[in-house]
Amino acid sequence: MVISADAIRGYVDLMVLSLLRSGPSYAYELAQRITAISGDDYAIKQTTLYSAVKRLESGGLVSSFPGVSPSGKPRTYYRTTDAGLAHFDLKVAEWRSTKSVVDRFIEGATP
């Protein structure tokens, strides 16, 4: 089942920050990695990804710098900042809490 863009919208920043923790990357490479890791259950649109990295950059959570891709093309690379790493940790905790609450409803827990 393919995950809808609406269902995952609030977690795109978390996915990008997660990937950038392992090192700098450029947008096309990030999109390819997101598709590969999701097992083709989610394919991010380029516009969604560019919006996410620009939002993260304007928030001081990632920084950009010019570089060259393995194919030799000039690219804009992104890397996490210290603030981005701290934000990632907060968003992971938020995700775990959110998942826990939703799971209770799915499993039919009673108060």
Protein backbone atom coordinates (compact mmCIF):
# COMPACT_ATOMS: atom_id res chain seq x y z
CA MET A 1 0.00 0.00 0.00
CA VAL A 2 1.36 3.39 -0.98
CA ILE A 3 1.30 5.97 1.81
CA SER A 4 -0.54 9.14 0.87
CA ALA A 5 1.22 12.47 0.93
CA ASP A 6 -1.37 13.73 3.44
CA ALA A 7 -0.58 10.94 5.90
CA ILE A 8 3.16 11.58 5.90
CA ARG A 9 3.26 15.36 5.39
CA GLY A 10 4.16 16.20 8.97
CA TYR A 11 7.08 13.79 8.99
CA VAL A 12 8.98 14.76 5.84
CA ASP A 13 11.26 17.08 7.84
CA LEU A 14 11.99 14.22 10.25
CA MET A 15 12.88 11.90 7.37
CA VAL A 16 15.20 14.49 5.80
CA LEU A 17 16.93 15.25 9.10
CA SER A 18 17.30 11.52 9.72
CA LEU A 19 19.08 11.03 6.40
CA LEU A 20 21.31 14.06 6.85
CA ARG A 21 22.55 12.79 10.21
CA SER A 22 24.77 10.36 8.30
CA GLY A 23 26.31 13.14 6.21
CA PRO A 24 25.62 15.85 3.64
CA SER A 25 23.43 15.11 0.64
CA TYR A 26 21.68 16.88 -2.22
CA ALA A 27 17.94 16.89 -2.93
CA TYR A 28 17.83 14.29 -5.72
CA GLU A 29 19.93 11.87 -3.67
CA LEU A 30 17.66 12.44 -0.64
CA ALA A 31 14.58 11.67 -2.77
CA GLN A 32 16.17 8.44 -4.03
CA ARG A 33 17.11 7.37 -0.50
CA ILE A 34 13.60 8.13 0.82
CA THR A 35 12.06 5.96 -1.90
CA ALA A 36 14.58 3.15 -1.31
CA ILE A 37 14.20 3.14 2.48
CA SER A 38 10.41 3.27 2.26
CA GLY A 39 10.47 0.15 0.11
CA ASP A 40 8.59 2.04 -2.59
CA ASP A 41 5.67 2.58 -0.16
CA TYR A 42 6.31 6.31 -0.40
CA ALA A 43 7.84 8.35 -3.21
CA ILE A 44 8.41 11.98 -2.32
CA LYS A 45 7.68 14.63 -4.92
CA GLN A 46 10.60 16.89 -5.75
CA THR A 47 8.56 19.97 -4.88
CA THR A 48 7.75 18.52 -1.45
CA LEU A 49 11.40 17.74 -0.83
CA TYR A 50 12.65 21.14 -1.96
CA SER A 51 10.05 22.83 0.24
CA ALA A 52 11.20 20.73 3.18
CA VAL A 53 14.92 21.48 2.81
CA LYS A 54 14.23 25.19 2.28
CA ARG A 55 11.96 25.22 5.38
CA LEU A 56 14.64 23.41 7.40
CA GLU A 57 17.30 25.79 6.12
CA SER A 58 15.29 28.92 6.92
CA GLY A 59 14.71 27.51 10.40
CA GLY A 60 18.44 27.04 10.93
CA LEU A 61 18.09 23.26 11.14
CA VAL A 62 20.14 22.54 8.02
CA SER A 63 22.73 24.55 6.12
CA SER A 64 23.54 24.40 2.43
CA PHE A 65 26.75 24.60 0.47
CA PRO A 66 27.75 24.18 -3.19
CA GLY A 67 29.25 20.89 -4.28
CA VAL A 68 29.57 18.48 -7.19
CA SER A 69 27.61 15.22 -7.46
CA PRO A 70 29.36 11.94 -8.32
CA SER A 71 28.20 12.48 -11.94
CA GLY A 72 30.07 15.80 -12.01
CA LYS A 73 27.00 18.07 -11.90
CA PRO A 74 27.02 21.06 -9.60
CA ARG A 75 24.59 20.52 -6.72
CA THR A 76 23.46 22.24 -3.57
CA TYR A 77 24.28 19.99 -0.63
CA TYR A 78 22.56 20.11 2.74
CA ARG A 79 23.84 19.14 6.18
CA THR A 80 22.32 19.24 9.64
CA THR A 81 23.23 21.91 12.14
CA ASP A 82 23.47 21.34 15.89
CA ALA A 83 19.99 22.85 16.16
CA GLY A 84 18.81 20.38 13.51
CA LEU A 85 20.15 17.42 15.48
CA ALA A 86 18.39 18.65 18.64
CA HIS A 87 15.18 19.21 16.65
CA PHE A 88 15.46 15.67 15.25
CA ASP A 89 15.59 14.23 18.77
CA LEU A 90 12.50 16.24 19.78
CA LYS A 91 10.58 15.16 16.67
CA VAL A 92 11.46 11.49 17.26
CA ALA A 93 10.10 11.72 20.81
CA GLU A 94 6.97 13.44 19.47
CA TRP A 95 6.53 10.71 16.81
CA ARG A 96 6.82 7.95 19.41
CA SER A 97 4.20 9.63 21.61
CA THR A 98 1.88 10.21 18.65
CA LYS A 99 2.23 6.62 17.48
CA SER A 100 1.55 5.34 20.98
CA VAL A 101 -1.69 7.33 21.24
CA VAL A 102 -2.93 6.33 17.77
CA ASP A 103 -2.02 2.68 18.42
CA ARG A 104 -4.25 2.70 21.50
CA PHE A 105 -7.23 3.63 19.35
CA ILE A 106 -6.38 1.14 16.64
CA GLU A 107 -6.05 -1.63 19.21
CA GLY A 108 -9.38 -0.66 20.79
CA ALA A 109 -8.04 0.26 24.21
CA THR A 110 -10.60 1.47 26.72
CA PRO A 111 -10.05 4.18 29.32
